Amino acid sequence: MELAVESAHGRSSYKNGGRSGAHDPDIRRRIVAAVLQLDSAVPRLQQTARDVDQMIDHGAKWFGLLSGVKVTCTRTARDVVDMAQQGCGGRG
């Protein structure tokens, strides 16, 4: 996310009057959406990691919990990178 924000500041937009991409509403929206998506996945991962560390007995639910966290994190990572890349444009 830091790289996406840095790139937005270094990118100029013709449709935005030549100003920095950081002032472009589309780029800002993409970056905010990526941050929100990332922020929503982190607590789920942290809670599952805590449950593993504390050896919480979820019984037969463990497979679903671990699979769900893996799918959520990989999808989130892919989506966040895609959104950040769209905000960076060809320069990325």
N, C-alpha and C. Protein backbone atom coordinates (compact mmCIF):
# COMPACT_ATOMS: atom_id res chain seq x y z
N MET A 1 0.83 -1.18 0.00
CA MET A 1 0.00 0.00 0.00
C MET A 1 0.87 1.25 0.00
N GLU A 2 1.98 1.18 0.72
CA GLU A 2 2.88 2.34 0.75
C GLU A 2 3.41 2.65 -0.65
N LEU A 3 3.73 1.61 -1.41
CA LEU A 3 4.22 1.82 -2.77
C LEU A 3 3.14 2.40 -3.67
N ALA A 4 1.90 1.98 -3.48
CA ALA A 4 0.79 2.50 -4.29
C ALA A 4 0.58 3.99 -4.00
N VAL A 5 0.63 4.36 -2.74
CA VAL A 5 0.46 5.77 -2.37
C VAL A 5 1.62 6.60 -2.92
N GLU A 6 2.83 6.08 -2.77
CA GLU A 6 4.01 6.79 -3.28
C GLU A 6 3.92 6.98 -4.79
N SER A 7 3.48 5.94 -5.49
CA SER A 7 3.34 6.02 -6.93
C SER A 7 2.27 7.02 -7.34
N ALA A 8 1.17 7.05 -6.59
CA ALA A 8 0.09 8.00 -6.90
C ALA A 8 0.59 9.44 -6.78
N HIS A 9 1.46 9.69 -5.82
CA HIS A 9 2.00 11.04 -5.66
C HIS A 9 2.95 11.39 -6.81
N GLY A 10 3.63 10.38 -7.37
CA GLY A 10 4.59 10.64 -8.43
C GLY A 10 3.99 10.62 -9.82
N ARG A 11 2.74 10.25 -9.91
CA ARG A 11 2.07 10.12 -11.21
C ARG A 11 1.21 11.35 -11.48
N SER A 12 1.33 11.91 -12.69
CA SER A 12 0.46 13.03 -13.03
C SER A 12 -0.68 12.53 -13.90
N SER A 13 -1.80 13.22 -13.82
CA SER A 13 -3.00 12.79 -14.53
C SER A 13 -3.47 13.91 -15.45
N TYR A 14 -3.60 13.60 -16.74
CA TYR A 14 -4.09 14.59 -17.69
C TYR A 14 -5.53 14.97 -17.40
N LYS A 15 -6.33 13.99 -17.04
CA LYS A 15 -7.74 14.28 -16.77
C LYS A 15 -7.90 15.07 -15.47
N ASN A 16 -6.83 15.14 -14.70
CA ASN A 16 -6.86 15.85 -13.43
C ASN A 16 -6.10 17.17 -13.54
N GLY A 17 -5.96 17.67 -14.76
CA GLY A 17 -5.29 18.96 -14.97
C GLY A 17 -3.79 18.90 -14.76
N GLY A 18 -3.19 17.72 -14.92
CA GLY A 18 -1.75 17.59 -14.75
C GLY A 18 -1.30 17.49 -13.30
N ARG A 19 -2.26 17.49 -12.39
CA ARG A 19 -1.89 17.38 -10.97
C ARG A 19 -1.51 15.94 -10.64
N SER A 20 -0.97 15.76 -9.47
CA SER A 20 -0.56 14.45 -8.98
C SER A 20 -1.74 13.49 -8.97
N GLY A 21 -1.44 12.23 -9.22
CA GLY A 21 -2.47 11.19 -9.17
C GLY A 21 -3.09 11.07 -7.80
N ALA A 22 -2.41 11.57 -6.79
CA ALA A 22 -2.96 11.53 -5.43
C ALA A 22 -4.23 12.38 -5.32
N HIS A 23 -4.44 13.27 -6.28
CA HIS A 23 -5.65 14.10 -6.28
C HIS A 23 -6.74 13.55 -7.18
N ASP A 24 -6.44 12.45 -7.87
CA ASP A 24 -7.41 11.83 -8.77
C ASP A 24 -8.38 10.98 -7.95
N PRO A 25 -9.68 11.27 -8.02
CA PRO A 25 -10.65 10.52 -7.21
C PRO A 25 -10.67 9.03 -7.50
N ASP A 26 -10.43 8.63 -8.75
CA ASP A 26 -10.43 7.20 -9.09
C ASP A 26 -9.26 6.47 -8.42
N ILE A 27 -8.10 7.07 -8.46
CA ILE A 27 -6.92 6.46 -7.83
C ILE A 27 -7.12 6.41 -6.32
N ARG A 28 -7.62 7.49 -5.75
CA ARG A 28 -7.86 7.51 -4.30
C ARG A 28 -8.87 6.45 -3.89
N ARG A 29 -9.92 6.28 -4.69
CA ARG A 29 -10.94 5.28 -4.40
C ARG A 29 -10.35 3.88 -4.43
N ARG A 30 -9.52 3.60 -5.42
CA ARG A 30 -8.91 2.27 -5.53
C ARG A 30 -8.01 1.98 -4.33
N ILE A 31 -7.23 2.96 -3.94
CA ILE A 31 -6.31 2.76 -2.82
C ILE A 31 -7.09 2.58 -1.52
N VAL A 32 -8.13 3.37 -1.31
CA VAL A 32 -8.95 3.23 -0.11
C VAL A 32 -9.64 1.87 -0.09
N ALA A 33 -10.16 1.43 -1.22
CA ALA A 33 -10.81 0.12 -1.28
C ALA A 33 -9.82 -0.99 -0.93
N ALA A 34 -8.60 -0.87 -1.41
CA ALA A 34 -7.57 -1.87 -1.11
C ALA A 34 -7.23 -1.87 0.38
N VAL A 35 -7.10 -0.70 0.96
CA VAL A 35 -6.79 -0.61 2.39
C VAL A 35 -7.92 -1.21 3.22
N LEU A 36 -9.16 -0.91 2.88
CA LEU A 36 -10.30 -1.46 3.62
C LEU A 36 -10.35 -2.97 3.51
N GLN A 37 -10.10 -3.49 2.33
CA GLN A 37 -10.12 -4.93 2.14
C GLN A 37 -9.00 -5.59 2.95
N LEU A 38 -7.84 -4.99 2.94
CA LEU A 38 -6.71 -5.53 3.71
C LEU A 38 -7.00 -5.47 5.20
N ASP A 39 -7.54 -4.36 5.65
CA ASP A 39 -7.86 -4.20 7.07
C ASP A 39 -8.91 -5.20 7.56
N SER A 40 -9.77 -5.64 6.67
CA SER A 40 -10.80 -6.59 7.10
C SER A 40 -10.26 -8.02 7.17
N ALA A 41 -9.21 -8.34 6.43
CA ALA A 41 -8.67 -9.70 6.42
C ALA A 41 -7.70 -9.94 7.59
N VAL A 42 -7.00 -8.91 8.01
CA VAL A 42 -5.96 -9.07 9.04
C VAL A 42 -6.52 -9.59 10.36
N PRO A 43 -7.62 -9.06 10.89
CA PRO A 43 -8.12 -9.57 12.17
C PRO A 43 -8.49 -11.06 12.12
N ARG A 44 -9.03 -11.51 11.01
CA ARG A 44 -9.39 -12.93 10.88
C ARG A 44 -8.14 -13.80 10.94
N LEU A 45 -7.10 -13.38 10.26
CA LEU A 45 -5.84 -14.12 10.29
C LEU A 45 -5.24 -14.12 11.69
N GLN A 46 -5.26 -12.96 12.34
CA GLN A 46 -4.70 -12.86 13.69
C GLN A 46 -5.46 -13.74 14.68
N GLN A 47 -6.78 -13.76 14.59
CA GLN A 47 -7.58 -14.57 15.50
C GLN A 47 -7.31 -16.06 15.29
N THR A 48 -7.21 -16.47 14.05
CA THR A 48 -6.93 -17.88 13.77
C THR A 48 -5.53 -18.25 14.27
N ALA A 49 -4.57 -17.37 14.06
CA ALA A 49 -3.20 -17.64 14.55
C ALA A 49 -3.19 -17.73 16.08
N ARG A 50 -3.96 -16.86 16.75
CA ARG A 50 -4.06 -16.94 18.22
C ARG A 50 -4.66 -18.27 18.66
N ASP A 51 -5.70 -18.70 17.96
CA ASP A 51 -6.33 -19.99 18.29
C ASP A 51 -5.34 -21.14 18.13
N VAL A 52 -4.53 -21.10 17.09
CA VAL A 52 -3.52 -22.14 16.89
C VAL A 52 -2.49 -22.08 18.03
N ASP A 53 -1.98 -20.88 18.32
CA ASP A 53 -0.98 -20.73 19.39
C ASP A 53 -1.50 -21.19 20.74
N GLN A 54 -2.76 -20.90 21.02
CA GLN A 54 -3.34 -21.24 22.32
C GLN A 54 -3.96 -22.64 22.33
N MET A 55 -3.81 -23.36 21.21
CA MET A 55 -4.32 -24.72 21.07
C MET A 55 -5.81 -24.82 21.42
N ILE A 56 -6.58 -23.86 20.92
CA ILE A 56 -8.03 -23.88 21.10
C ILE A 56 -8.60 -25.09 20.37
N ASP A 57 -9.51 -25.80 21.01
CA ASP A 57 -10.08 -27.01 20.41
C ASP A 57 -11.31 -26.65 19.60
N HIS A 58 -11.13 -26.55 18.29
CA HIS A 58 -12.26 -26.32 17.40
C HIS A 58 -12.75 -27.62 16.78
N GLY A 59 -12.08 -28.71 17.13
CA GLY A 59 -12.51 -30.02 16.64
C GLY A 59 -12.54 -30.10 15.13
N ALA A 60 -13.65 -30.57 14.61
CA ALA A 60 -13.81 -30.76 13.16
C ALA A 60 -13.88 -29.43 12.40
N LYS A 61 -14.05 -28.33 13.10
CA LYS A 61 -14.14 -27.02 12.43
C LYS A 61 -12.78 -26.49 11.99
N TRP A 62 -11.68 -27.10 12.47
CA TRP A 62 -10.35 -26.59 12.13
C TRP A 62 -10.12 -26.53 10.63
N PHE A 63 -10.46 -27.58 9.91
CA PHE A 63 -10.22 -27.59 8.47
C PHE A 63 -10.91 -26.41 7.80
N GLY A 64 -12.17 -26.18 8.12
CA GLY A 64 -12.90 -25.06 7.54
C GLY A 64 -12.31 -23.71 7.93
N LEU A 65 -11.90 -23.58 9.19
CA LEU A 65 -11.31 -22.31 9.65
C LEU A 65 -10.01 -22.02 8.92
N LEU A 66 -9.13 -23.02 8.87
CA LEU A 66 -7.83 -22.81 8.22
C LEU A 66 -7.98 -22.61 6.71
N SER A 67 -8.85 -23.37 6.09
CA SER A 67 -9.08 -23.21 4.65
C SER A 67 -9.67 -21.84 4.36
N GLY A 68 -10.62 -21.43 5.17
CA GLY A 68 -11.24 -20.12 4.99
C GLY A 68 -10.27 -18.98 5.12
N VAL A 69 -9.39 -19.07 6.11
CA VAL A 69 -8.39 -18.01 6.31
C VAL A 69 -7.41 -17.98 5.15
N LYS A 70 -7.01 -19.15 4.67
CA LYS A 70 -6.09 -19.21 3.53
C LYS A 70 -6.72 -18.58 2.29
N VAL A 71 -7.95 -18.95 2.00
CA VAL A 71 -8.63 -18.41 0.82
C VAL A 71 -8.83 -16.90 0.96
N THR A 72 -9.27 -16.47 2.13
CA THR A 72 -9.48 -15.04 2.37
C THR A 72 -8.18 -14.25 2.18
N CYS A 73 -7.10 -14.74 2.77
CA CYS A 73 -5.84 -14.01 2.69
C CYS A 73 -5.25 -13.99 1.28
N THR A 74 -5.33 -15.11 0.57
CA THR A 74 -4.78 -15.10 -0.79
C THR A 74 -5.61 -14.24 -1.73
N ARG A 75 -6.93 -14.31 -1.60
CA ARG A 75 -7.79 -13.45 -2.44
C ARG A 75 -7.56 -11.98 -2.11
N THR A 76 -7.47 -11.68 -0.83
CA THR A 76 -7.25 -10.30 -0.42
C THR A 76 -5.92 -9.79 -0.95
N ALA A 77 -4.87 -10.60 -0.81
CA ALA A 77 -3.55 -10.18 -1.29
C ALA A 77 -3.58 -9.92 -2.79
N ARG A 78 -4.21 -10.82 -3.54
CA ARG A 78 -4.29 -10.65 -4.99
C ARG A 78 -5.10 -9.40 -5.35
N ASP A 79 -6.23 -9.21 -4.70
CA ASP A 79 -7.08 -8.05 -4.98
C ASP A 79 -6.38 -6.74 -4.62
N VAL A 80 -5.70 -6.73 -3.48
CA VAL A 80 -5.01 -5.52 -3.04
C VAL A 80 -3.89 -5.16 -4.02
N VAL A 81 -3.14 -6.15 -4.46
CA VAL A 81 -2.07 -5.88 -5.43
C VAL A 81 -2.67 -5.39 -6.74
N ASP A 82 -3.75 -6.00 -7.19
CA ASP A 82 -4.40 -5.55 -8.43
C ASP A 82 -4.88 -4.11 -8.32
N MET A 83 -5.52 -3.78 -7.21
CA MET A 83 -6.02 -2.41 -7.03
C MET A 83 -4.86 -1.42 -6.94
N ALA A 84 -3.80 -1.80 -6.26
CA ALA A 84 -2.64 -0.92 -6.15
C ALA A 84 -2.00 -0.73 -7.52
N GLN A 85 -1.92 -1.80 -8.29
CA GLN A 85 -1.33 -1.73 -9.62
C GLN A 85 -2.17 -0.83 -10.54
N GLN A 86 -3.48 -0.90 -10.43
CA GLN A 86 -4.35 -0.04 -11.24
C GLN A 86 -4.14 1.42 -10.86
N GLY A 87 -3.91 1.67 -9.59
CA GLY A 87 -3.66 3.03 -9.15
C GLY A 87 -2.31 3.56 -9.62
N CYS A 88 -1.35 2.65 -9.81
CA CYS A 88 -0.01 3.04 -10.26
C CYS A 88 0.04 3.26 -11.77
N GLY A 89 -0.81 2.56 -12.50
CA GLY A 89 -0.81 2.67 -13.95
C GLY A 89 0.37 1.97 -14.57
N GLY A 90 0.71 2.38 -15.78
CA GLY A 90 1.81 1.77 -16.54
C GLY A 90 3.15 1.91 -15.86
N ARG A 91 3.30 2.91 -15.07
CA ARG A 91 4.55 3.15 -14.36
C ARG A 91 4.85 2.05 -13.35
N GLY A 92 3.81 1.39 -12.85
CA GLY A 92 3.97 0.36 -11.83
C GLY A 92 4.68 -0.85 -12.36
